């Protein structure tokens, strides 16, 4: 990250230095998709890079509207939910909402 990298607080606050992680949760019908889905947490990265990943996962540009930090889209046999969150600042790897580390 360069010193000029700036992010917007996803909760609607002002600009501040920091990194983001992208959380992805795919929930699928195992009969239709052949699996139950998966979860992924990206490495920490500047906001523009995180939004580029979100756009890739959505298949369209992710609009960085004020306060928006979650997107959802239909996928074959289920739904993909993508969440943009501030990266942990204590050096720990990012964890999913359930408190379990991401699968490798």
PDB file of N, CA and C in Angstrom:
ATOM      1  N   UNK A   1       0.848  -1.178   0.000  1.00  0.00           N
ATOM      2  CA  UNK A   1       0.000   0.000   0.000  1.00  0.00           C
ATOM      3  C   UNK A   1       0.887   1.231   0.000  1.00  0.00           C
ATOM      4  N   UNK A   2       0.561   2.171  -0.830  1.00  0.00           N
ATOM      5  CA  UNK A   2       1.318   3.408  -0.862  1.00  0.00           C
ATOM      6  C   UNK A   2       0.783   4.355   0.201  1.00  0.00           C
ATOM      7  N   UNK A   3       1.601   5.309   0.664  1.00  0.00           N
ATOM      8  CA  UNK A   3       1.133   6.237   1.692  1.00  0.00           C
ATOM      9  C   UNK A   3      -0.075   7.050   1.246  1.00  0.00           C
ATOM     10  N   UNK A   4      -0.283   7.192  -0.076  1.00  0.00           N
ATOM     11  CA  UNK A   4      -1.403   7.987  -0.565  1.00  0.00           C
ATOM     12  C   UNK A   4      -2.698   7.189  -0.651  1.00  0.00           C
ATOM     13  N   UNK A   5      -2.643   5.884  -0.380  1.00  0.00           N
ATOM     14  CA  UNK A   5      -3.857   5.063  -0.468  1.00  0.00           C
ATOM     15  C   UNK A   5      -4.861   5.521   0.573  1.00  0.00           C
ATOM     16  N   UNK A   6      -6.072   5.754   0.151  1.00  0.00           N
ATOM     17  CA  UNK A   6      -7.127   6.241   1.039  1.00  0.00           C
ATOM     18  C   UNK A   6      -8.337   5.349   0.863  1.00  0.00           C
ATOM     19  N   UNK A   7      -9.027   5.079   1.944  1.00  0.00           N
ATOM     20  CA  UNK A   7     -10.259   4.309   1.854  1.00  0.00           C
ATOM     21  C   UNK A   7     -11.381   5.089   2.508  1.00  0.00           C
ATOM     22  N   UNK A   8     -12.578   4.745   2.152  1.00  0.00           N
ATOM     23  CA  UNK A   8     -13.751   5.319   2.779  1.00  0.00           C
ATOM     24  C   UNK A   8     -14.283   4.313   3.782  1.00  0.00           C
ATOM     25  N   UNK A   9     -14.599   4.782   4.961  1.00  0.00           N
ATOM     26  CA  UNK A   9     -15.154   3.904   5.982  1.00  0.00           C
ATOM     27  C   UNK A   9     -16.447   3.299   5.455  1.00  0.00           C
ATOM     28  N   UNK A  10     -16.579   1.952   5.412  1.00  0.00           N
ATOM     29  CA  UNK A  10     -17.782   1.351   4.867  1.00  0.00           C
ATOM     30  C   UNK A  10     -19.029   1.656   5.677  1.00  0.00           C
ATOM     31  N   UNK A  11     -18.870   2.177   6.880  1.00  0.00           N
ATOM     32  CA  UNK A  11     -20.026   2.540   7.700  1.00  0.00           C
ATOM     33  C   UNK A  11     -20.444   3.980   7.492  1.00  0.00           C
ATOM     34  N   UNK A  12     -19.901   4.632   6.451  1.00  0.00           N
ATOM     35  CA  UNK A  12     -20.329   5.971   6.120  1.00  0.00           C
ATOM     36  C   UNK A  12     -19.449   7.067   6.681  1.00  0.00           C
ATOM     37  N   UNK A  13     -18.346   6.747   7.349  1.00  0.00           N
ATOM     38  CA  UNK A  13     -17.462   7.757   7.917  1.00  0.00           C
ATOM     39  C   UNK A  13     -16.604   8.409   6.860  1.00  0.00           C
ATOM     40  N   UNK A  14     -15.666   9.243   7.279  1.00  0.00           N
ATOM     41  CA  UNK A  14     -14.789   9.948   6.364  1.00  0.00           C
ATOM     42  C   UNK A  14     -13.674   9.074   5.855  1.00  0.00           C
ATOM     43  N   UNK A  15     -12.806   9.680   5.056  1.00  0.00           N
ATOM     44  CA  UNK A  15     -11.688   8.943   4.482  1.00  0.00           C
ATOM     45  C   UNK A  15     -10.611   8.727   5.538  1.00  0.00           C
ATOM     46  N   UNK A  16      -9.955   7.566   5.486  1.00  0.00           N
ATOM     47  CA  UNK A  16      -8.859   7.263   6.386  1.00  0.00           C
ATOM     48  C   UNK A  16      -7.973   6.228   5.727  1.00  0.00           C
ATOM     49  N   UNK A  17      -6.736   6.119   6.193  1.00  0.00           N
ATOM     50  CA  UNK A  17      -5.838   5.112   5.656  1.00  0.00           C
ATOM     51  C   UNK A  17      -6.270   3.742   6.135  1.00  0.00           C
ATOM     52  N   UNK A  18      -6.072   2.730   5.312  1.00  0.00           N
ATOM     53  CA  UNK A  18      -6.427   1.386   5.748  1.00  0.00           C
ATOM     54  C   UNK A  18      -6.546   0.418   4.596  1.00  0.00           C
ATOM     55  N   UNK A  19      -6.780  -0.825   4.968  1.00  0.00           N
ATOM     56  CA  UNK A  19      -6.912  -1.910   4.011  1.00  0.00           C
ATOM     57  C   UNK A  19      -8.254  -2.595   4.193  1.00  0.00           C
ATOM     58  N   UNK A  20      -8.664  -3.342   3.164  1.00  0.00           N
ATOM     59  CA  UNK A  20      -9.943  -4.036   3.182  1.00  0.00           C
ATOM     60  C   UNK A  20      -9.763  -5.502   2.848  1.00  0.00           C
ATOM     61  N   UNK A  21     -10.718  -6.312   3.272  1.00  0.00           N
ATOM     62  CA  UNK A  21     -10.797  -7.709   2.862  1.00  0.00           C
ATOM     63  C   UNK A  21     -12.164  -7.911   2.213  1.00  0.00           C
ATOM     64  N   UNK A  22     -12.214  -8.848   1.281  1.00  0.00           N
ATOM     65  CA  UNK A  22     -13.456  -9.199   0.602  1.00  0.00           C
ATOM     66  C   UNK A  22     -13.864 -10.584   1.107  1.00  0.00           C
ATOM     67  N   UNK A  23     -15.051 -10.676   1.682  1.00  0.00           N
ATOM     68  CA  UNK A  23     -15.609 -11.943   2.160  1.00  0.00           C
ATOM     69  C   UNK A  23     -16.594 -12.424   1.096  1.00  0.00           C
ATOM     70  N   UNK A  24     -16.482 -13.682   0.693  1.00  0.00           N
ATOM     71  CA  UNK A  24     -17.387 -14.258  -0.299  1.00  0.00           C
ATOM     72  C   UNK A  24     -18.014 -15.511   0.300  1.00  0.00           C
ATOM     73  N   UNK A  25     -19.325 -15.599   0.222  1.00  0.00           N
ATOM     74  CA  UNK A  25     -20.055 -16.769   0.677  1.00  0.00           C
ATOM     75  C   UNK A  25     -20.955 -17.232  -0.464  1.00  0.00           C
ATOM     76  N   UNK A  26     -20.754 -18.456  -0.914  1.00  0.00           N
ATOM     77  CA  UNK A  26     -21.616 -19.030  -1.940  1.00  0.00           C
ATOM     78  C   UNK A  26     -22.452 -20.123  -1.299  1.00  0.00           C
ATOM     79  N   UNK A  27     -23.751 -19.966  -1.396  1.00  0.00           N
ATOM     80  CA  UNK A  27     -24.683 -20.966  -0.880  1.00  0.00           C
ATOM     81  C   UNK A  27     -25.372 -21.582  -2.082  1.00  0.00           C
ATOM     82  N   UNK A  28     -25.233 -22.906  -2.233  1.00  0.00           N
ATOM     83  CA  UNK A  28     -25.813 -23.574  -3.388  1.00  0.00           C
ATOM     84  C   UNK A  28     -26.617 -24.791  -2.969  1.00  0.00           C
ATOM     85  N   UNK A  29     -27.510 -25.189  -3.846  1.00  0.00           N
ATOM     86  CA  UNK A  29     -28.271 -26.419  -3.685  1.00  0.00           C
ATOM     87  C   UNK A  29     -27.382 -27.536  -4.202  1.00  0.00           C
ATOM     88  N   UNK A  30     -27.005 -28.462  -3.349  1.00  0.00           N
ATOM     89  CA  UNK A  30     -26.054 -29.506  -3.733  1.00  0.00           C
ATOM     90  C   UNK A  30     -26.584 -30.404  -4.855  1.00  0.00           C
ATOM     91  N   UNK A  31     -27.894 -30.581  -4.938  1.00  0.00           N
ATOM     92  CA  UNK A  31     -28.469 -31.396  -6.010  1.00  0.00           C
ATOM     93  C   UNK A  31     -28.266 -30.701  -7.358  1.00  0.00           C
ATOM     94  N   UNK A  32     -28.439 -29.382  -7.389  1.00  0.00           N
ATOM     95  CA  UNK A  32     -28.299 -28.632  -8.635  1.00  0.00           C
ATOM     96  C   UNK A  32     -26.837 -28.355  -8.993  1.00  0.00           C
ATOM     97  N   UNK A  33     -26.043 -27.961  -8.008  1.00  0.00           N
ATOM     98  CA  UNK A  33     -24.677 -27.516  -8.278  1.00  0.00           C
ATOM     99  C   UNK A  33     -23.619 -28.600  -8.070  1.00  0.00           C
ATOM    100  N   UNK A  34     -23.965 -29.663  -7.373  1.00  0.00           N
ATOM    101  CA  UNK A  34     -22.994 -30.716  -7.119  1.00  0.00           C
ATOM    102  C   UNK A  34     -22.112 -30.463  -5.912  1.00  0.00           C
ATOM    103  N   UNK A  35     -22.359 -29.368  -5.195  1.00  0.00           N
ATOM    104  CA  UNK A  35     -21.632 -29.052  -3.963  1.00  0.00           C
ATOM    105  C   UNK A  35     -22.479 -28.097  -3.139  1.00  0.00           C
ATOM    106  N   UNK A  36     -22.117 -27.941  -1.862  1.00  0.00           N
ATOM    107  CA  UNK A  36     -22.904 -27.107  -0.948  1.00  0.00           C
ATOM    108  C   UNK A  36     -22.519 -25.644  -0.957  1.00  0.00           C
ATOM    109  N   UNK A  37     -21.522 -25.265  -1.739  1.00  0.00           N
ATOM    110  CA  UNK A  37     -21.072 -23.885  -1.770  1.00  0.00           C
ATOM    111  C   UNK A  37     -19.684 -23.772  -1.171  1.00  0.00           C
ATOM    112  N   UNK A  38     -19.230 -22.542  -0.968  1.00  0.00           N
ATOM    113  CA  UNK A  38     -17.898 -22.332  -0.406  1.00  0.00           C
ATOM    114  C   UNK A  38     -17.803 -20.937   0.196  1.00  0.00           C
ATOM    115  N   UNK A  39     -16.711 -20.698   0.922  1.00  0.00           N
ATOM    116  CA  UNK A  39     -16.422 -19.395   1.515  1.00  0.00           C
ATOM    117  C   UNK A  39     -14.990 -19.014   1.180  1.00  0.00           C
ATOM    118  N   UNK A  40     -14.743 -17.702   1.087  1.00  0.00           N
ATOM    119  CA  UNK A  40     -13.410 -17.197   0.775  1.00  0.00           C
ATOM    120  C   UNK A  40     -13.241 -15.844   1.441  1.00  0.00           C
ATOM    121  N   UNK A  41     -12.054 -15.572   1.974  1.00  0.00           N
ATOM    122  CA  UNK A  41     -11.704 -14.253   2.487  1.00  0.00           C
ATOM    123  C   UNK A  41     -10.409 -13.850   1.807  1.00  0.00           C
ATOM    124  N   UNK A  42     -10.418 -12.702   1.140  1.00  0.00           N
ATOM    125  CA  UNK A  42      -9.248 -12.243   0.401  1.00  0.00           C
ATOM    126  C   UNK A  42      -8.156 -11.747   1.345  1.00  0.00           C
ATOM    127  N   UNK A  43      -6.945 -11.634   0.836  1.00  0.00           N
ATOM    128  CA  UNK A  43      -5.899 -10.955   1.608  1.00  0.00           C
ATOM    129  C   UNK A  43      -6.255  -9.472   1.758  1.00  0.00           C
ATOM    130  N   UNK A  44      -5.643  -8.801   2.718  1.00  0.00           N
ATOM    131  CA  UNK A  44      -5.852  -7.361   2.902  1.00  0.00           C
ATOM    132  C   UNK A  44      -5.328  -6.621   1.682  1.00  0.00           C
ATOM    133  N   UNK A  45      -6.084  -5.596   1.266  1.00  0.00           N
ATOM    134  CA  UNK A  45      -5.711  -4.831   0.078  1.00  0.00           C
ATOM    135  C   UNK A  45      -6.346  -3.448   0.124  1.00  0.00           C
ATOM    136  N   UNK A  46      -5.805  -2.485  -0.644  1.00  0.00           N
ATOM    137  CA  UNK A  46      -6.413  -1.151  -0.699  1.00  0.00           C
ATOM    138  C   UNK A  46      -7.832  -1.224  -1.269  1.00  0.00           C
ATOM    139  N   UNK A  47      -8.662  -0.260  -0.912  1.00  0.00           N
ATOM    140  CA  UNK A  47     -10.070  -0.246  -1.331  1.00  0.00           C
ATOM    141  C   UNK A  47     -10.260  -0.377  -2.845  1.00  0.00           C
ATOM    142  N   UNK A  48      -9.508   0.351  -3.697  1.00  0.00           N
ATOM    143  CA  UNK A  48      -9.729   0.192  -5.147  1.00  0.00           C
ATOM    144  C   UNK A  48      -9.489  -1.247  -5.620  1.00  0.00           C
ATOM    145  N   UNK A  49      -8.488  -1.912  -5.065  1.00  0.00           N
ATOM    146  CA  UNK A  49      -8.215  -3.299  -5.434  1.00  0.00           C
ATOM    147  C   UNK A  49      -9.327  -4.225  -4.942  1.00  0.00           C
ATOM    148  N   UNK A  50      -9.819  -3.969  -3.730  1.00  0.00           N
ATOM    149  CA  UNK A  50     -10.910  -4.775  -3.182  1.00  0.00           C
ATOM    150  C   UNK A  50     -12.171  -4.603  -4.031  1.00  0.00           C
ATOM    151  N   UNK A  51     -12.462  -3.377  -4.455  1.00  0.00           N
ATOM    152  CA  UNK A  51     -13.632  -3.134  -5.305  1.00  0.00           C
ATOM    153  C   UNK A  51     -13.466  -3.782  -6.674  1.00  0.00           C
ATOM    154  N   UNK A  52     -12.239  -3.842  -7.181  1.00  0.00           N
ATOM    155  CA  UNK A  52     -11.991  -4.525  -8.452  1.00  0.00           C
ATOM    156  C   UNK A  52     -12.295  -6.023  -8.303  1.00  0.00           C
ATOM    157  N   UNK A  53     -11.926  -6.617  -7.177  1.00  0.00           N
ATOM    158  CA  UNK A  53     -12.237  -8.025  -6.922  1.00  0.00           C
ATOM    159  C   UNK A  53     -13.744  -8.224  -6.812  1.00  0.00           C
ATOM    160  N   UNK A  54     -14.425  -7.323  -6.114  1.00  0.00           N
ATOM    161  CA  UNK A  54     -15.880  -7.404  -6.000  1.00  0.00           C
ATOM    162  C   UNK A  54     -16.506  -7.354  -7.393  1.00  0.00           C
ATOM    163  N   UNK A  55     -16.042  -6.432  -8.230  1.00  0.00           N
ATOM    164  CA  UNK A  55     -16.575  -6.306  -9.592  1.00  0.00           C
ATOM    165  C   UNK A  55     -16.351  -7.591 -10.387  1.00  0.00           C
ATOM    166  N   UNK A  56     -15.186  -8.195 -10.249  1.00  0.00           N
ATOM    167  CA  UNK A  56     -14.900  -9.447 -10.941  1.00  0.00           C
ATOM    168  C   UNK A  56     -15.854 -10.549 -10.483  1.00  0.00           C
ATOM    169  N   UNK A  57     -16.082 -10.635  -9.181  1.00  0.00           N
ATOM    170  CA  UNK A  57     -16.972 -11.659  -8.635  1.00  0.00           C
ATOM    171  C   UNK A  57     -18.432 -11.428  -9.019  1.00  0.00           C
ATOM    172  N   UNK A  58     -18.817 -10.168  -9.194  1.00  0.00           N
ATOM    173  CA  UNK A  58     -20.185  -9.841  -9.588  1.00  0.00           C
ATOM    174  C   UNK A  58     -20.388  -9.931 -11.099  1.00  0.00           C
ATOM    175  N   UNK A  59     -19.310  -9.775 -11.846  1.00  0.00           N
ATOM    176  CA  UNK A  59     -19.424  -9.738 -13.299  1.00  0.00           C
ATOM    177  C   UNK A  59     -19.838  -8.378 -13.810  1.00  0.00           C
ATOM    178  N   UNK A  60     -19.748  -7.368 -12.968  1.00  0.00           N
ATOM    179  CA  UNK A  60     -20.074  -5.998 -13.354  1.00  0.00           C
ATOM    180  C   UNK A  60     -19.414  -5.054 -12.352  1.00  0.00           C
ATOM    181  N   UNK A  61     -19.296  -3.760 -12.679  1.00  0.00           N
ATOM    182  CA  UNK A  61     -18.659  -2.823 -11.745  1.00  0.00           C
ATOM    183  C   UNK A  61     -19.390  -2.749 -10.410  1.00  0.00           C
ATOM    184  N   UNK A  62     -18.615  -2.743  -9.336  1.00  0.00           N
ATOM    185  CA  UNK A  62     -19.171  -2.568  -7.991  1.00  0.00           C
ATOM    186  C   UNK A  62     -19.169  -1.078  -7.696  1.00  0.00           C
ATOM    187  N   UNK A  63     -20.325  -0.498  -7.602  1.00  0.00           N
ATOM    188  CA  UNK A  63     -20.419   0.928  -7.363  1.00  0.00           C
ATOM    189  C   UNK A  63     -20.112   1.244  -5.901  1.00  0.00           C
ATOM    190  N   UNK A  64     -19.079   2.051  -5.647  1.00  0.00           N
ATOM    191  CA  UNK A  64     -18.717   2.383  -4.264  1.00  0.00           C
ATOM    192  C   UNK A  64     -19.626   3.456  -3.678  1.00  0.00           C
ATOM    193  N   UNK A  65     -20.917   3.180  -3.596  1.00  0.00           N
ATOM    194  CA  UNK A  65     -21.863   4.138  -3.055  1.00  0.00           C
ATOM    195  C   UNK A  65     -21.684   4.252  -1.547  1.00  0.00           C
ATOM    196  N   UNK A  66     -21.990   5.414  -1.026  1.00  0.00           N
ATOM    197  CA  UNK A  66     -21.808   5.678   0.397  1.00  0.00           C
ATOM    198  C   UNK A  66     -22.554   4.654   1.240  1.00  0.00           C
ATOM    199  N   UNK A  67     -21.832   4.035   2.160  1.00  0.00           N
ATOM    200  CA  UNK A  67     -22.441   3.098   3.089  1.00  0.00           C
ATOM    201  C   UNK A  67     -22.679   1.705   2.540  1.00  0.00           C
ATOM    202  N   UNK A  68     -22.448   1.479   1.256  1.00  0.00           N
ATOM    203  CA  UNK A  68     -22.688   0.142   0.692  1.00  0.00           C
ATOM    204  C   UNK A  68     -21.445  -0.706   0.844  1.00  0.00           C
ATOM    205  N   UNK A  69     -21.591  -1.860   1.485  1.00  0.00           N
ATOM    206  CA  UNK A  69     -20.453  -2.760   1.650  1.00  0.00           C
ATOM    207  C   UNK A  69     -20.843  -4.219   1.452  1.00  0.00           C
ATOM    208  N   UNK A  70     -22.013  -4.456   0.828  1.00  0.00           N
ATOM    209  CA  UNK A  70     -22.455  -5.821   0.603  1.00  0.00           C
ATOM    210  C   UNK A  70     -23.209  -5.903  -0.721  1.00  0.00           C
ATOM    211  N   UNK A  71     -22.964  -6.990  -1.454  1.00  0.00           N
ATOM    212  CA  UNK A  71     -23.610  -7.244  -2.727  1.00  0.00           C
ATOM    213  C   UNK A  71     -24.049  -8.697  -2.757  1.00  0.00           C
ATOM    214  N   UNK A  72     -25.074  -8.990  -3.545  1.00  0.00           N
ATOM    215  CA  UNK A  72     -25.556 -10.349  -3.674  1.00  0.00           C
ATOM    216  C   UNK A  72     -25.937 -10.581  -5.127  1.00  0.00           C
ATOM    217  N   UNK A  73     -25.672 -11.787  -5.628  1.00  0.00           N
ATOM    218  CA  UNK A  73     -26.037 -12.107  -7.007  1.00  0.00           C
ATOM    219  C   UNK A  73     -26.370 -13.584  -7.117  1.00  0.00           C
ATOM    220  N   UNK A  74     -27.187 -13.891  -8.115  1.00  0.00           N
ATOM    221  CA  UNK A  74     -27.542 -15.278  -8.379  1.00  0.00           C
ATOM    222  C   UNK A  74     -26.379 -15.966  -9.085  1.00  0.00           C
ATOM    223  N   UNK A  75     -26.142 -17.223  -8.717  1.00  0.00           N
ATOM    224  CA  UNK A  75     -25.163 -18.063  -9.397  1.00  0.00           C
ATOM    225  C   UNK A  75     -25.862 -19.385  -9.711  1.00  0.00           C
ATOM    226  N   UNK A  76     -25.246 -20.217 -10.532  1.00  0.00           N
ATOM    227  CA  UNK A  76     -25.858 -21.495 -10.882  1.00  0.00           C
ATOM    228  C   UNK A  76     -26.161 -22.304  -9.621  1.00  0.00           C
ATOM    229  N   UNK A  77     -27.435 -22.537  -9.370  1.00  0.00           N
ATOM    230  CA  UNK A  77     -27.841 -23.359  -8.235  1.00  0.00           C
ATOM    231  C   UNK A  77     -27.840 -22.663  -6.895  1.00  0.00           C
ATOM    232  N   UNK A  78     -27.680 -21.344  -6.859  1.00  0.00           N
ATOM    233  CA  UNK A  78     -27.657 -20.691  -5.551  1.00  0.00           C
ATOM    234  C   UNK A  78     -27.457 -19.193  -5.595  1.00  0.00           C
ATOM    235  N   UNK A  79     -26.760 -18.686  -4.581  1.00  0.00           N
ATOM    236  CA  UNK A  79     -26.565 -17.253  -4.406  1.00  0.00           C
ATOM    237  C   UNK A  79     -25.164 -16.982  -3.887  1.00  0.00           C
ATOM    238  N   UNK A  80     -24.543 -15.898  -4.383  1.00  0.00           N
ATOM    239  CA  UNK A  80     -23.233 -15.441  -3.928  1.00  0.00           C
ATOM    240  C   UNK A  80     -23.427 -14.120  -3.185  1.00  0.00           C
ATOM    241  N   UNK A  81     -22.907 -14.049  -1.964  1.00  0.00           N
ATOM    242  CA  UNK A  81     -22.947 -12.823  -1.174  1.00  0.00           C
ATOM    243  C   UNK A  81     -21.514 -12.349  -0.960  1.00  0.00           C
ATOM    244  N   UNK A  82     -21.274 -11.090  -1.262  1.00  0.00           N
ATOM    245  CA  UNK A  82     -19.934 -10.504  -1.170  1.00  0.00           C
ATOM    246  C   UNK A  82     -19.998  -9.335  -0.203  1.00  0.00           C
ATOM    247  N   UNK A  83     -19.073  -9.308   0.753  1.00  0.00           N
ATOM    248  CA  UNK A  83     -19.024  -8.238   1.740  1.00  0.00           C
ATOM    249  C   UNK A  83     -17.632  -7.636   1.773  1.00  0.00           C
ATOM    250  N   UNK A  84     -17.567  -6.322   1.772  1.00  0.00           N
ATOM    251  CA  UNK A  84     -16.316  -5.572   1.875  1.00  0.00           C
ATOM    252  C   UNK A  84     -16.197  -5.084   3.314  1.00  0.00           C
ATOM    253  N   UNK A  85     -15.073  -5.391   3.972  1.00  0.00           N
ATOM    254  CA  UNK A  85     -14.897  -5.014   5.376  1.00  0.00           C
ATOM    255  C   UNK A  85     -13.485  -4.487   5.613  1.00  0.00           C
ATOM    256  N   UNK A  86     -13.348  -3.624   6.596  1.00  0.00           N
ATOM    257  CA  UNK A  86     -12.024  -3.150   6.978  1.00  0.00           C
ATOM    258  C   UNK A  86     -11.191  -4.331   7.449  1.00  0.00           C
ATOM    259  N   UNK A  87      -9.939  -4.379   7.029  1.00  0.00           N
ATOM    260  CA  UNK A  87      -9.043  -5.469   7.421  1.00  0.00           C
ATOM    261  C   UNK A  87      -8.695  -5.341   8.897  1.00  0.00           C
ATOM    262  N   UNK A  88      -8.483  -6.472   9.569  1.00  0.00           N
ATOM    263  CA  UNK A  88      -8.061  -6.418  10.970  1.00  0.00           C
ATOM    264  C   UNK A  88      -6.739  -5.649  11.075  1.00  0.00           C
ATOM    265  N   UNK A  89      -6.600  -4.866  12.117  1.00  0.00           N
ATOM    266  CA  UNK A  89      -5.382  -4.069  12.283  1.00  0.00           C
ATOM    267  C   UNK A  89      -4.419  -4.675  13.288  1.00  0.00           C
ATOM    268  N   UNK A  90      -4.806  -5.807  13.887  1.00  0.00           N
ATOM    269  CA  UNK A  90      -3.954  -6.402  14.914  1.00  0.00           C
ATOM    270  C   UNK A  90      -3.034  -7.498  14.374  1.00  0.00           C
ATOM    271  N   UNK A  91      -2.944  -7.626  13.031  1.00  0.00           N
ATOM    272  CA  UNK A  91      -2.054  -8.607  12.440  1.00  0.00           C
ATOM    273  C   UNK A  91      -2.657  -9.988  12.284  1.00  0.00           C
ATOM    274  N   UNK A  92      -3.866 -10.211  12.832  1.00  0.00           N
ATOM    275  CA  UNK A  92      -4.516 -11.516  12.681  1.00  0.00           C
ATOM    276  C   UNK A  92      -5.094 -11.623  11.278  1.00  0.00           C
ATOM    277  N   UNK A  93      -5.186 -12.860  10.750  1.00  0.00           N
ATOM    278  CA  UNK A  93      -5.865 -13.009   9.466  1.00  0.00           C
ATOM    279  C   UNK A  93      -7.347 -12.719   9.625  1.00  0.00           C
ATOM    280  N   UNK A  94      -7.975 -12.257   8.566  1.00  0.00           N
ATOM    281  CA  UNK A  94      -9.405 -11.974   8.594  1.00  0.00           C
ATOM    282  C   UNK A  94     -10.166 -13.262   8.821  1.00  0.00           C
ATOM    283  N   UNK A  95     -11.266 -13.177   9.561  1.00  0.00           N
ATOM    284  CA  UNK A  95     -12.103 -14.342   9.825  1.00  0.00           C
ATOM    285  C   UNK A  95     -13.490 -14.102   9.278  1.00  0.00           C
ATOM    286  N   UNK A  96     -14.179 -15.177   9.030  1.00  0.00           N
ATOM    287  CA  UNK A  96     -15.560 -15.091   8.567  1.00  0.00           C
ATOM    288  C   UNK A  96     -16.465 -14.804   9.742  1.00  0.00           C
ATOM    289  N   UNK A  97     -17.697 -14.406   9.444  1.00  0.00           N
ATOM    290  CA  UNK A  97     -18.641 -14.064  10.500  1.00  0.00           C
ATOM    291  C   UNK A  97     -18.811 -15.180  11.523  1.00  0.00           C
ATOM    292  N   UNK A  98     -18.688 -16.430  11.102  1.00  0.00           N
ATOM    293  CA  UNK A  98     -18.857 -17.545  12.010  1.00  0.00           C
ATOM    294  C   UNK A  98     -17.672 -17.744  12.941  1.00  0.00           C
ATOM    295  N   UNK A  99     -16.602 -16.962  12.763  1.00  0.00           N
ATOM    296  CA  UNK A  99     -15.457 -17.069  13.635  1.00  0.00           C
ATOM    297  C   UNK A  99     -14.473 -18.133  13.229  1.00  0.00           C
ATOM    298  N   UNK A 100     -14.675 -18.766  12.080  1.00  0.00           N
ATOM    299  CA  UNK A 100     -13.751 -19.785  11.628  1.00  0.00           C
ATOM    300  C   UNK A 100     -12.853 -19.220  10.539  1.00  0.00           C
ATOM    301  N   UNK A 101     -11.573 -19.565  10.541  1.00  0.00           N
ATOM    302  CA  UNK A 101     -10.701 -19.049   9.501  1.00  0.00           C
ATOM    303  C   UNK A 101     -11.091 -19.616   8.147  1.00  0.00           C
ATOM    304  N   UNK A 102     -10.784 -18.893   7.059  1.00  0.00           N
ATOM    305  CA  UNK A 102     -11.149 -19.368   5.728  1.00  0.00           C
ATOM    306  C   UNK A 102     -10.413 -20.660   5.375  1.00  0.00           C
ATOM    307  N   UNK A 103     -11.087 -21.490   4.597  1.00  0.00           N
ATOM    308  CA  UNK A 103     -10.475 -22.727   4.119  1.00  0.00           C
ATOM    309  C   UNK A 103      -9.438 -22.425   3.066  1.00  0.00           C
ATOM    310  N   UNK A 104      -8.371 -23.206   3.044  1.00  0.00           N
ATOM    311  CA  UNK A 104      -7.318 -22.974   2.052  1.00  0.00           C
ATOM    312  C   UNK A 104      -7.687 -23.533   0.720  1.00  0.00           C
TER     313      UNK A 104
END
